Amino acid sequence: RHHREVWERDYSTRAVPNMAVVKAFEDNGCVPDVIDTAPAELAEVSYDSGVKCELGNVLTPTQVQNQPTVTWSTEPGVKYALVLTDPDAPSRKNPIRREWKHWVVVDIPGCDLGKGTVLAQYIGSGPPQGTGLHRYIFLVYKQQPSDVKFHEKVQVTSADGRANWKVQDFAAKYKLGKPVAGNFYQAEYDDYVPILYSKLK
């Protein structure tokens, strides 16, 4: 019985992965550009503009300017970490600033983002003009143990310290393991981007 409990705890979430998620992450290069292993489950991402993140669909910076609602399958008593990262900074062809950290929330009980601790406030998509489509990747990690202590400088709505970040290094530092859920969309420049840049200064 003990072995079955261990198997269920450690492997059941990955035993029957959502192949649409895995395929989309691999086909769009999220694996290996950002992570080594695709998440097994889908994280549902909805914006107040009425759009949803759907495994690589194209959205606009205008549509994703405000922090979204994110939900995923949870386990009782577990806390989670959520990140949003752009590996295509300043462009997918020349990603010399890979990755750009857009959002980090930790110590999330279940999916209750409002009760989590924000390490990097949400900043929407701001792909520079002429750089084509960027991928914006949401990843959810299970904190193991739940009370892991995060030692990071809290980042507000400033661009400082967000470039050349690596989510896998962050996950390794805090022993978060592989992402348990994820999603992503793509976006390129629109007229909202200069407005976003003015807010970051």
Protein backbone atom coordinates (compact mmCIF):
# COMPACT_ATOMS: atom_id res chain seq x y z
CA ARG A 1 0.00 0.00 0.00
CA HIS A 2 2.81 2.38 0.89
CA HIS A 3 4.40 1.92 -2.54
CA ARG A 4 1.11 2.69 -4.26
CA GLU A 5 0.73 5.89 -2.21
CA VAL A 6 4.26 6.95 -3.17
CA TRP A 7 3.53 6.20 -6.83
CA GLU A 8 0.31 8.21 -6.74
CA ARG A 9 2.02 11.12 -5.02
CA ASP A 10 5.07 11.27 -7.24
CA TYR A 11 3.92 10.05 -10.61
CA SER A 12 0.16 10.06 -10.98
CA THR A 13 0.03 13.63 -12.30
CA ARG A 14 2.49 12.65 -15.01
CA ALA A 15 1.21 9.12 -15.63
CA VAL A 16 -1.42 10.24 -18.14
CA PRO A 17 -0.15 13.56 -19.48
CA ASN A 18 -2.35 15.79 -21.60
CA MET A 19 -0.75 15.02 -24.94
CA ALA A 20 -2.13 18.19 -26.52
CA VAL A 21 -0.15 20.20 -23.95
CA VAL A 22 3.00 18.15 -24.43
CA LYS A 23 2.77 18.31 -28.23
CA ALA A 24 2.14 22.07 -28.29
CA PHE A 25 5.08 22.79 -25.97
CA GLU A 26 7.37 20.62 -28.08
CA ASP A 27 6.12 21.72 -31.51
CA ASN A 28 6.53 25.40 -30.59
CA GLY A 29 9.99 24.97 -29.10
CA CYS A 30 9.02 25.79 -25.51
CA VAL A 31 10.80 22.49 -24.95
CA PRO A 32 13.80 22.86 -25.01
CA ASP A 33 14.07 26.67 -25.21
CA VAL A 34 12.66 27.17 -21.71
CA ILE A 35 12.15 23.79 -20.05
CA ASP A 36 13.41 20.25 -20.59
CA THR A 37 10.08 18.51 -19.99
CA ALA A 38 6.61 19.75 -20.94
CA PRO A 39 4.03 20.08 -18.18
CA ALA A 40 1.54 17.22 -18.00
CA GLU A 41 -1.55 19.37 -17.49
CA LEU A 42 -3.11 22.51 -18.90
CA ALA A 43 -3.26 25.72 -16.89
CA GLU A 44 -6.38 27.70 -17.80
CA VAL A 45 -5.55 31.36 -18.48
CA SER A 46 -8.28 33.98 -19.00
CA TYR A 47 -8.00 37.75 -19.49
CA ASP A 48 -10.55 40.43 -18.62
CA SER A 49 -10.51 41.43 -22.31
CA GLY A 50 -12.40 38.22 -23.04
CA VAL A 51 -9.54 36.22 -24.56
CA LYS A 52 -7.98 32.98 -23.38
CA CYS A 53 -4.52 31.50 -23.70
CA GLU A 54 -4.84 28.37 -25.85
CA LEU A 55 -1.51 26.61 -26.37
CA GLY A 56 0.12 29.02 -28.76
CA ASN A 57 -2.77 31.07 -30.08
CA VAL A 58 -1.97 34.63 -31.15
CA LEU A 59 -3.15 37.41 -28.83
CA THR A 60 -2.31 41.12 -28.83
CA PRO A 61 -0.47 43.18 -26.20
CA THR A 62 -3.69 45.21 -25.88
CA GLN A 63 -5.66 42.08 -24.97
CA VAL A 64 -3.18 40.86 -22.33
CA GLN A 65 -2.30 44.15 -20.64
CA ASN A 66 -3.99 43.24 -17.33
CA GLN A 67 -3.16 40.36 -15.00
CA PRO A 68 -5.10 37.23 -15.98
CA THR A 69 -6.94 34.60 -13.99
CA VAL A 70 -5.02 31.33 -13.91
CA THR A 71 -6.34 27.98 -12.66
CA TRP A 72 -4.98 24.43 -12.64
CA SER A 73 -5.58 21.06 -10.97
CA THR A 74 -4.55 21.28 -7.34
CA GLU A 75 -3.89 18.95 -4.43
CA PRO A 76 -5.18 19.65 -0.90
CA GLY A 77 -2.72 21.47 1.35
CA VAL A 78 -0.22 22.12 -1.44
CA LYS A 79 1.23 25.50 -2.36
CA TYR A 80 2.27 26.38 -5.89
CA ALA A 81 4.54 28.78 -7.77
CA LEU A 82 3.46 30.45 -11.02
CA VAL A 83 5.73 32.08 -13.58
CA LEU A 84 5.24 33.83 -16.91
CA THR A 85 8.32 34.10 -19.08
CA ASP A 86 9.26 35.25 -22.61
CA PRO A 87 12.18 33.36 -24.19
CA ASP A 88 12.15 35.52 -27.32
CA ALA A 89 13.72 38.71 -26.03
CA PRO A 90 14.34 40.80 -27.98
CA SER A 91 13.31 38.41 -30.79
CA ARG A 92 13.00 34.70 -31.44
CA LYS A 93 15.75 34.93 -34.07
CA ASN A 94 18.13 36.75 -31.73
CA PRO A 95 17.18 35.86 -28.13
CA ILE A 96 20.18 37.47 -26.43
CA ARG A 97 18.05 38.51 -23.45
CA ARG A 98 16.36 35.11 -23.03
CA GLU A 99 14.35 34.91 -20.81
CA TRP A 100 12.36 38.02 -19.84
CA LYS A 101 10.53 37.58 -16.53
CA HIS A 102 6.94 38.84 -16.78
CA TRP A 103 5.34 37.51 -13.59
CA VAL A 104 6.27 35.38 -10.57
CA VAL A 105 3.91 34.44 -7.72
CA VAL A 106 4.83 31.87 -5.05
CA ASP A 107 3.22 30.35 -1.94
CA ILE A 108 -0.12 30.10 -3.77
CA PRO A 109 -2.59 27.94 -1.80
CA GLY A 110 -4.36 25.97 -4.50
CA CYS A 111 -5.17 28.43 -7.32
CA ASP A 112 -5.83 31.42 -5.03
CA LEU A 113 -3.41 33.89 -6.59
CA GLY A 114 -4.63 36.64 -4.29
CA LYS A 115 -3.21 34.77 -1.29
CA GLY A 116 0.16 34.12 -2.91
CA THR A 117 3.35 36.16 -2.53
CA VAL A 118 4.25 38.25 -5.58
CA LEU A 119 7.98 38.20 -6.38
CA ALA A 120 7.57 39.97 -9.74
CA GLN A 121 4.45 41.97 -10.50
CA TYR A 122 2.65 41.17 -13.72
CA ILE A 123 3.84 43.02 -16.80
CA GLY A 124 1.98 42.32 -20.04
CA SER A 125 3.49 41.62 -23.43
CA GLY A 126 5.69 44.33 -24.94
CA PRO A 127 7.41 42.80 -27.96
CA PRO A 128 9.50 45.45 -29.78
CA GLN A 129 8.31 46.58 -33.19
CA GLY A 130 9.57 44.42 -36.03
CA THR A 131 10.60 41.46 -33.84
CA GLY A 132 7.77 39.17 -34.88
CA LEU A 133 5.87 36.82 -32.62
CA HIS A 134 7.12 36.16 -29.09
CA ARG A 135 6.08 33.19 -26.94
CA TYR A 136 4.68 33.95 -23.49
CA ILE A 137 4.83 30.85 -21.36
CA PHE A 138 2.92 30.18 -18.13
CA LEU A 139 4.35 27.46 -15.89
CA VAL A 140 3.01 26.14 -12.59
CA TYR A 141 5.25 24.35 -10.10
CA LYS A 142 4.37 22.43 -6.96
CA GLN A 143 6.35 23.66 -3.96
CA GLN A 144 8.09 20.76 -2.24
CA PRO A 145 7.94 21.32 0.70
CA SER A 146 5.12 23.85 0.65
CA ASP A 147 6.89 26.12 3.15
CA VAL A 148 10.06 26.59 1.07
CA LYS A 149 11.60 30.02 1.73
CA PHE A 150 12.10 32.24 -1.31
CA HIS A 151 14.96 34.73 -1.16
CA GLU A 152 14.36 37.03 -4.10
CA LYS A 153 14.23 40.79 -4.54
CA VAL A 154 10.59 41.75 -5.11
CA GLN A 155 10.15 43.39 -8.51
CA VAL A 156 7.35 45.88 -9.10
CA THR A 157 6.35 47.41 -12.44
CA SER A 158 9.90 48.05 -13.54
CA ALA A 159 11.95 46.38 -16.26
CA ASP A 160 15.03 46.29 -14.03
CA GLY A 161 16.42 42.83 -13.38
CA ARG A 162 13.93 40.98 -15.56
CA ALA A 163 16.07 40.18 -18.62
CA ASN A 164 18.34 37.12 -18.88
CA TRP A 165 16.34 35.25 -16.27
CA LYS A 166 16.01 31.47 -16.44
CA VAL A 167 12.95 29.76 -15.04
CA GLN A 168 14.77 26.41 -14.88
CA ASP A 169 17.48 27.98 -12.71
CA PHE A 170 14.78 29.44 -10.46
CA ALA A 171 13.06 26.04 -10.23
CA ALA A 172 16.35 24.29 -9.47
CA LYS A 173 17.31 26.86 -6.81
CA TYR A 174 14.13 26.18 -4.87
CA LYS A 175 13.83 22.47 -5.72
CA LEU A 176 10.51 22.93 -7.50
CA GLY A 177 11.00 19.98 -9.83
CA LYS A 178 9.25 19.85 -13.19
CA PRO A 179 6.29 22.10 -14.01
CA VAL A 180 2.97 20.40 -13.27
CA ALA A 181 0.84 22.62 -15.52
CA GLY A 182 1.36 25.19 -18.24
CA ASN A 183 0.04 27.13 -21.21
CA PHE A 184 1.31 29.78 -23.62
CA TYR A 185 0.26 32.31 -26.19
CA GLN A 186 2.10 34.32 -28.83
CA ALA A 187 2.03 38.06 -29.44
CA GLU A 188 3.71 40.68 -31.57
CA TYR A 189 3.87 44.46 -31.47
CA ASP A 190 0.73 46.58 -31.47
CA ASP A 191 -0.10 50.19 -30.53
CA TYR A 192 -0.32 49.37 -26.82
CA VAL A 193 3.40 48.55 -26.54
CA PRO A 194 4.62 52.21 -26.35
CA ILE A 195 2.02 52.81 -23.62
CA LEU A 196 3.35 49.82 -21.70
CA TYR A 197 6.93 51.07 -22.07
CA SER A 198 5.95 54.47 -20.67
CA LYS A 199 4.57 52.74 -17.56
CA LEU A 200 7.85 50.90 -16.99
CA LYS A 201 10.01 54.00 -16.79
